[in-house]
Amino acid sequence: MFQQLISMFLAFVAFLGSLFGLGGKQTDPVDPTPVDPGQEIVYLSEHTIAYGESDDQTLDLYLPAGKTGDVGLVLFIHGGAWVTGTKETYLPEALRYQALGYVTATINYRYLGNGVMPADELDDIASSLRAIKAACAEKGVNVSKTVLVGSSAGAHLALLYAYTKIAEAPVKPVAVVSSSAPTDFTDPAFMESGAGEMVAGAIGVSTETLARLMQTGIAEMFVPTLKNLSPAKQVKSTSVPTLMAHGKNDTIVPYSNAERLDAALTEKGVTHDFVTFPNSGHALLNDPDCTLRFQTLTAQYIATYLG
């Protein structure tokens, strides 16, 4: 019986990796302003650039016309539950900020499963940054700092990378822009928000059985791992400035996750802004005034921290 409970809880932990961001394409956290058809677009390559051996380790890189020397990088990381999604989601934003004079890039990364773990997805961010830095250097462009922008699972990876890997990052993160991010996997509200029924159904048990399992000491065995994967648990006084947005009606990633990150950033004195979408769910669709504020703050963060 004990081994069966262990197996159930392992399945629960694994299912967290496919729970968030379900339902197709993620809402872009930046206004997809149409690009002027006459604008000069400088693609570093006519084809997707590979930064690893996997077919999923690819990126698209855009250089601002006529710029050399030091230029800031805006790196976009798509959502999709860590198991789906595409870098093309962020194409409008990449072109928009390229037109404003920044180097921009959108990346694909390896999906969870088949031996790929969250640490591997963080490694993919590092590898993509190395490839971007090297490719830019060939064009006389130096990228030494980046703002990471992500939605849902991509925002989780952006936050976790910036908070835990800054010392070793090939290009230093100087700020993060996050929307609808999972930030605390120890949050009981995951179960209270309806996730419990989804998890129970996925692993073939009743919600009552799963509830009993969560009340046992078995769950405590996994708390350190869940904390290590939670950006809200990794915040330090030296963490990078963070812009975050979350919908109060999000039934996929509980709003309390955003509150927990906000509280951690406040406690540590980290510069941050928190935009609440009071009428929106995970896709942040129902609060146009909040959308405008988040877009404006995104542009301000990029301008402020990339210069």
Protein backbone atom coordinates (compact mmCIF):
# COMPACT_ATOMS: atom_id res chain seq x y z
CA MET A 1 0.00 0.00 0.00
CA PHE A 2 2.84 2.37 0.88
CA GLN A 3 4.46 1.82 -2.51
CA GLN A 4 1.10 2.47 -4.19
CA LEU A 5 0.76 5.79 -2.37
CA ILE A 6 4.30 6.75 -3.37
CA SER A 7 3.46 5.97 -6.99
CA MET A 8 0.28 8.02 -6.78
CA PHE A 9 2.09 11.02 -5.37
CA LEU A 10 4.86 10.78 -7.94
CA ALA A 11 2.18 10.78 -10.60
CA PHE A 12 0.65 13.85 -8.96
CA VAL A 13 3.98 15.70 -9.02
CA ALA A 14 4.54 14.72 -12.65
CA PHE A 15 1.05 15.87 -13.57
CA LEU A 16 1.83 19.35 -12.29
CA GLY A 17 4.11 19.57 -15.31
CA SER A 18 1.16 19.16 -17.65
CA LEU A 19 -1.48 21.03 -15.69
CA PHE A 20 -0.71 24.69 -16.18
CA GLY A 21 -1.39 26.50 -19.40
CA LEU A 22 -3.68 23.89 -20.97
CA GLY A 23 -6.08 25.09 -23.60
CA GLY A 24 -3.94 26.15 -26.52
CA LYS A 25 -2.02 29.24 -27.39
CA GLN A 26 -1.07 31.51 -24.53
CA THR A 27 -2.10 35.15 -24.41
CA ASP A 28 0.83 37.36 -25.27
CA PRO A 29 1.88 39.64 -22.40
CA VAL A 30 2.78 42.50 -24.74
CA ASP A 31 0.59 44.33 -27.22
CA PRO A 32 0.97 42.64 -30.63
CA THR A 33 1.28 45.94 -32.47
CA PRO A 34 1.31 45.37 -36.26
CA VAL A 35 4.71 45.83 -37.84
CA ASP A 36 5.07 48.36 -40.65
CA PRO A 37 5.43 46.28 -43.86
CA GLY A 38 8.09 48.72 -45.04
CA GLN A 39 10.17 48.36 -41.90
CA GLU A 40 13.58 46.84 -42.41
CA ILE A 41 13.69 43.53 -40.58
CA VAL A 42 17.15 42.06 -40.05
CA TYR A 43 17.02 38.32 -39.52
CA LEU A 44 20.30 36.87 -38.39
CA SER A 45 19.47 33.71 -40.30
CA GLU A 46 16.93 32.75 -42.92
CA HIS A 47 16.27 29.59 -40.93
CA THR A 48 15.68 28.75 -37.31
CA ILE A 49 18.94 28.74 -35.36
CA ALA A 50 19.78 25.52 -33.50
CA TYR A 51 21.36 25.89 -30.07
CA GLY A 52 21.41 22.18 -29.20
CA GLU A 53 21.03 18.71 -30.66
CA SER A 54 17.30 18.33 -30.02
CA ASP A 55 14.81 19.49 -32.63
CA ASP A 56 13.17 21.50 -29.85
CA GLN A 57 16.34 23.50 -29.10
CA THR A 58 15.83 26.28 -31.62
CA LEU A 59 15.48 30.04 -31.60
CA ASP A 60 14.70 32.97 -33.86
CA LEU A 61 16.93 36.02 -33.51
CA TYR A 62 16.26 39.56 -34.74
CA LEU A 63 18.81 42.38 -34.86
CA PRO A 64 17.89 46.07 -34.96
CA ALA A 65 18.88 47.69 -38.23
CA GLY A 66 22.13 49.62 -38.23
CA LYS A 67 23.13 48.96 -34.61
CA THR A 68 26.48 47.67 -33.40
CA GLY A 69 28.24 47.70 -30.04
CA ASP A 70 26.30 47.22 -26.80
CA VAL A 71 22.62 46.42 -27.36
CA GLY A 72 20.12 45.02 -24.85
CA LEU A 73 18.39 41.69 -25.45
CA VAL A 74 14.70 40.92 -24.90
CA LEU A 75 14.26 37.15 -24.68
CA PHE A 76 10.72 35.76 -25.05
CA ILE A 77 9.81 32.34 -23.59
CA HIS A 78 6.48 30.87 -24.66
CA GLY A 79 3.93 29.15 -22.45
CA GLY A 80 2.21 25.83 -22.98
CA ALA A 81 2.36 23.73 -19.79
CA TRP A 82 6.06 22.89 -20.36
CA VAL A 83 4.89 20.31 -22.90
CA THR A 84 3.58 22.34 -25.84
CA GLY A 85 3.71 25.79 -27.43
CA THR A 86 5.92 27.52 -29.97
CA LYS A 87 8.35 30.42 -30.25
CA GLU A 88 6.20 31.92 -33.03
CA THR A 89 3.71 32.98 -30.34
CA TYR A 90 5.95 35.92 -29.56
CA LEU A 91 6.81 36.95 -33.13
CA PRO A 92 4.80 40.23 -33.06
CA GLU A 93 6.45 41.30 -29.80
CA ALA A 94 9.91 40.32 -31.02
CA LEU A 95 9.47 42.46 -34.14
CA ARG A 96 7.99 45.32 -32.14
CA TYR A 97 10.94 45.58 -29.77
CA GLN A 98 13.43 44.98 -32.58
CA ALA A 99 11.94 48.06 -34.24
CA LEU A 100 12.55 49.97 -31.00
CA GLY A 101 16.27 49.18 -31.20
CA TYR A 102 16.71 46.02 -29.14
CA VAL A 103 18.06 42.60 -30.03
CA THR A 104 15.14 40.21 -29.61
CA ALA A 105 14.82 36.45 -29.64
CA THR A 106 12.10 33.86 -29.22
CA ILE A 107 13.02 30.34 -28.16
CA ASN A 108 11.69 26.83 -28.20
CA TYR A 109 12.86 24.48 -25.47
CA ARG A 110 12.69 20.78 -24.70
CA TYR A 111 9.39 19.58 -23.26
CA LEU A 112 9.05 17.73 -19.97
CA GLY A 113 8.99 13.95 -20.27
CA ASN A 114 11.16 11.32 -21.93
CA GLY A 115 13.94 12.08 -19.49
CA VAL A 116 13.68 15.87 -19.75
CA MET A 117 13.41 17.55 -16.33
CA PRO A 118 12.82 21.18 -15.29
CA ALA A 119 16.57 21.63 -14.83
CA ASP A 120 17.04 20.74 -18.50
CA GLU A 121 14.62 23.47 -19.54
CA LEU A 122 16.64 25.96 -17.50
CA ASP A 123 19.77 24.66 -19.24
CA ASP A 124 18.04 25.37 -22.55
CA ILE A 125 17.67 29.03 -21.58
CA ALA A 126 21.40 29.17 -20.80
CA SER A 127 22.31 27.44 -24.06
CA SER A 128 20.09 29.75 -26.07
CA LEU A 129 21.71 32.79 -24.44
CA ARG A 130 25.18 31.48 -25.34
CA ALA A 131 24.10 30.96 -28.94
CA ILE A 132 22.53 34.42 -29.13
CA LYS A 133 25.63 36.08 -27.69
CA ALA A 134 27.92 34.29 -30.13
CA ALA A 135 25.73 34.98 -33.15
CA CYS A 136 25.43 38.66 -32.27
CA ALA A 137 29.19 38.98 -31.80
CA GLU A 138 29.67 37.86 -35.40
CA LYS A 139 27.64 40.91 -36.44
CA GLY A 140 29.52 43.32 -34.20
CA VAL A 141 26.77 43.42 -31.57
CA ASN A 142 27.52 42.82 -27.88
CA VAL A 143 24.68 41.59 -25.66
CA SER A 144 25.58 41.57 -21.97
CA LYS A 145 22.16 41.95 -20.34
CA THR A 146 18.65 40.71 -20.99
CA VAL A 147 15.06 41.15 -19.89
CA LEU A 148 13.26 37.81 -19.83
CA VAL A 149 9.59 37.89 -20.89
CA GLY A 150 7.32 34.90 -20.45
CA SER A 151 3.72 33.73 -20.13
CA SER A 152 2.42 30.87 -17.97
CA ALA A 153 4.98 28.03 -18.06
CA GLY A 154 7.40 30.30 -19.93
CA ALA A 155 7.02 32.90 -17.19
CA HIS A 156 7.74 30.24 -14.57
CA LEU A 157 10.97 29.33 -16.37
CA ALA A 158 11.93 32.99 -16.82
CA LEU A 159 11.43 33.73 -13.11
CA LEU A 160 13.18 30.59 -11.92
CA TYR A 161 16.14 31.17 -14.23
CA ALA A 162 16.54 34.82 -13.27
CA TYR A 163 16.26 34.10 -9.55
CA THR A 164 18.58 31.07 -9.43
CA LYS A 165 21.00 31.23 -12.39
CA ILE A 166 22.01 34.88 -12.61
CA ALA A 167 25.58 34.27 -11.41
CA GLU A 168 26.29 31.81 -14.22
CA ALA A 169 24.10 33.21 -16.98
CA PRO A 170 25.92 33.82 -20.30
CA VAL A 171 23.87 37.02 -20.64
CA LYS A 172 22.89 38.59 -17.32
CA PRO A 173 19.14 38.85 -16.60
CA VAL A 174 18.38 42.36 -15.33
CA ALA A 175 14.56 42.08 -15.08
CA VAL A 176 11.68 39.67 -15.64
CA VAL A 177 8.23 40.31 -17.12
CA SER A 178 5.81 37.56 -16.11
CA SER A 179 2.15 36.86 -16.82
CA SER A 180 -0.01 34.09 -15.32
CA ALA A 181 3.02 32.31 -13.89
CA PRO A 182 3.05 29.28 -11.62
CA THR A 183 5.23 30.55 -8.78
CA ASP A 184 4.64 28.29 -5.76
CA PHE A 185 4.04 24.56 -6.11
CA THR A 186 3.53 24.21 -2.35
CA ASP A 187 0.43 26.45 -2.46
CA PRO A 188 -2.61 24.51 -1.12
CA ALA A 189 -4.82 26.60 -3.40
CA PHE A 190 -3.70 24.42 -6.32
CA MET A 191 -6.07 21.79 -4.96
CA GLU A 192 -8.76 24.24 -3.85
CA SER A 193 -8.91 25.91 -7.28
CA GLY A 194 -10.10 22.77 -9.03
CA ALA A 195 -6.68 21.31 -9.77
CA GLY A 196 -7.42 18.46 -7.36
CA GLU A 197 -10.11 16.95 -9.53
CA MET A 198 -7.96 17.25 -12.65
CA VAL A 199 -4.98 15.64 -10.92
CA ALA A 200 -7.07 12.86 -9.41
CA GLY A 201 -8.65 12.04 -12.75
CA ALA A 202 -5.28 12.06 -14.51
CA ILE A 203 -3.74 9.52 -12.14
CA GLY A 204 -6.89 7.43 -11.84
CA VAL A 205 -7.89 7.98 -8.22
CA SER A 206 -10.79 9.68 -6.49
CA THR A 207 -10.47 13.19 -5.11
CA GLU A 208 -11.04 11.70 -1.64
CA THR A 209 -8.10 9.34 -2.06
CA LEU A 210 -5.88 12.16 -3.26
CA ALA A 211 -6.96 14.35 -0.36
CA ARG A 212 -6.03 11.60 2.11
CA LEU A 213 -2.71 11.21 0.34
CA MET A 214 -1.96 14.91 0.68
CA GLN A 215 -2.67 14.67 4.41
CA THR A 216 -0.12 11.92 4.96
CA GLY A 217 3.54 12.42 5.70
CA ILE A 218 4.36 11.16 2.22
CA ALA A 219 3.73 14.57 0.70
CA GLU A 220 6.35 16.12 2.98
CA MET A 221 9.01 14.00 1.27
CA PHE A 222 8.49 16.03 -1.89
CA VAL A 223 8.24 19.50 -0.38
CA PRO A 224 11.96 20.35 -0.87
CA THR A 225 11.69 19.46 -4.56
CA LEU A 226 8.53 21.50 -4.97
CA LYS A 227 10.17 24.46 -3.22
CA ASN A 228 13.20 24.26 -5.50
CA LEU A 229 10.86 24.54 -8.50
CA SER A 230 8.96 27.49 -7.01
CA PRO A 231 10.21 30.98 -7.93
CA ALA A 232 8.43 32.47 -4.91
CA LYS A 233 10.63 30.32 -2.66
CA GLN A 234 13.83 31.48 -4.40
CA VAL A 235 13.47 35.24 -3.95
CA LYS A 236 16.44 37.04 -2.38
CA SER A 237 17.12 40.69 -1.65
CA THR A 238 19.35 40.68 -4.74
CA SER A 239 16.70 39.23 -7.08
CA VAL A 240 16.07 41.13 -10.30
CA PRO A 241 13.22 43.65 -10.68
CA THR A 242 10.02 41.84 -11.59
CA LEU A 243 6.84 42.87 -13.39
CA MET A 244 4.00 40.42 -12.89
CA ALA A 245 0.38 40.11 -14.04
CA HIS A 246 -2.28 37.65 -12.95
CA GLY A 247 -6.02 37.20 -13.30
CA LYS A 248 -8.15 36.92 -10.17
CA ASN A 249 -10.37 34.36 -11.93
CA ASP A 250 -7.50 32.13 -13.07
CA THR A 251 -8.63 28.54 -12.54
CA ILE A 252 -5.43 27.03 -13.92
CA VAL A 253 -2.81 28.87 -11.86
CA PRO A 254 -4.43 30.17 -8.64
CA TYR A 255 -4.27 33.92 -8.04
CA SER A 256 -2.77 33.12 -4.64
CA ASN A 257 0.40 32.05 -6.48
CA ALA A 258 0.86 35.63 -7.66
CA GLU A 259 0.08 36.92 -4.17
CA ARG A 260 2.77 34.65 -2.74
CA LEU A 261 5.37 35.92 -5.19
CA ASP A 262 4.30 39.51 -4.52
CA ALA A 263 4.67 38.93 -0.77
CA ALA A 264 8.12 37.37 -1.17
CA LEU A 265 9.34 40.25 -3.36
CA THR A 266 7.93 42.78 -0.91
CA GLU A 267 9.51 41.06 2.09
CA LYS A 268 12.94 41.03 0.44
CA GLY A 269 12.64 44.62 -0.79
CA VAL A 270 12.86 43.70 -4.48
CA THR A 271 11.68 46.31 -6.97
CA HIS A 272 8.51 45.00 -8.58
CA ASP A 273 5.06 45.83 -9.95
CA PHE A 274 1.99 43.61 -9.68
CA VAL A 275 -0.89 44.16 -12.10
CA THR A 276 -4.08 42.39 -11.03
CA PHE A 277 -6.68 41.61 -13.71
CA PRO A 278 -9.86 41.50 -11.58
CA ASN A 279 -12.21 40.07 -14.23
CA SER A 280 -9.82 37.79 -16.12
CA GLY A 281 -8.73 34.19 -16.05
CA HIS A 282 -5.47 32.63 -17.19
CA ALA A 283 -5.53 34.35 -20.58
CA LEU A 284 -5.97 37.87 -19.14
CA LEU A 285 -8.67 38.77 -21.66
CA ASN A 286 -11.32 40.73 -19.78
CA ASP A 287 -9.61 43.84 -18.40
CA PRO A 288 -8.53 46.17 -21.23
CA ASP A 289 -7.42 48.90 -18.84
CA CYS A 290 -5.16 46.44 -17.04
CA THR A 291 -3.85 45.17 -20.37
CA LEU A 292 -2.85 48.71 -21.31
CA ARG A 293 -1.17 49.27 -17.95
CA PHE A 294 0.75 45.99 -18.23
CA GLN A 295 1.86 46.80 -21.78
CA THR A 296 3.02 50.25 -20.67
CA LEU A 297 4.92 48.86 -17.70
CA THR A 298 6.50 46.19 -19.90
CA ALA A 299 7.88 48.87 -22.22
CA GLN A 300 9.08 50.87 -19.20
CA TYR A 301 10.85 47.89 -17.66
CA ILE A 302 12.60 47.09 -20.92
CA ALA A 303 13.65 50.70 -21.46
CA THR A 304 14.75 51.19 -17.85
CA TYR A 305 16.77 48.03 -17.37
CA LEU A 306 18.21 47.64 -20.86
CA GLY A 307 18.88 51.35 -21.36
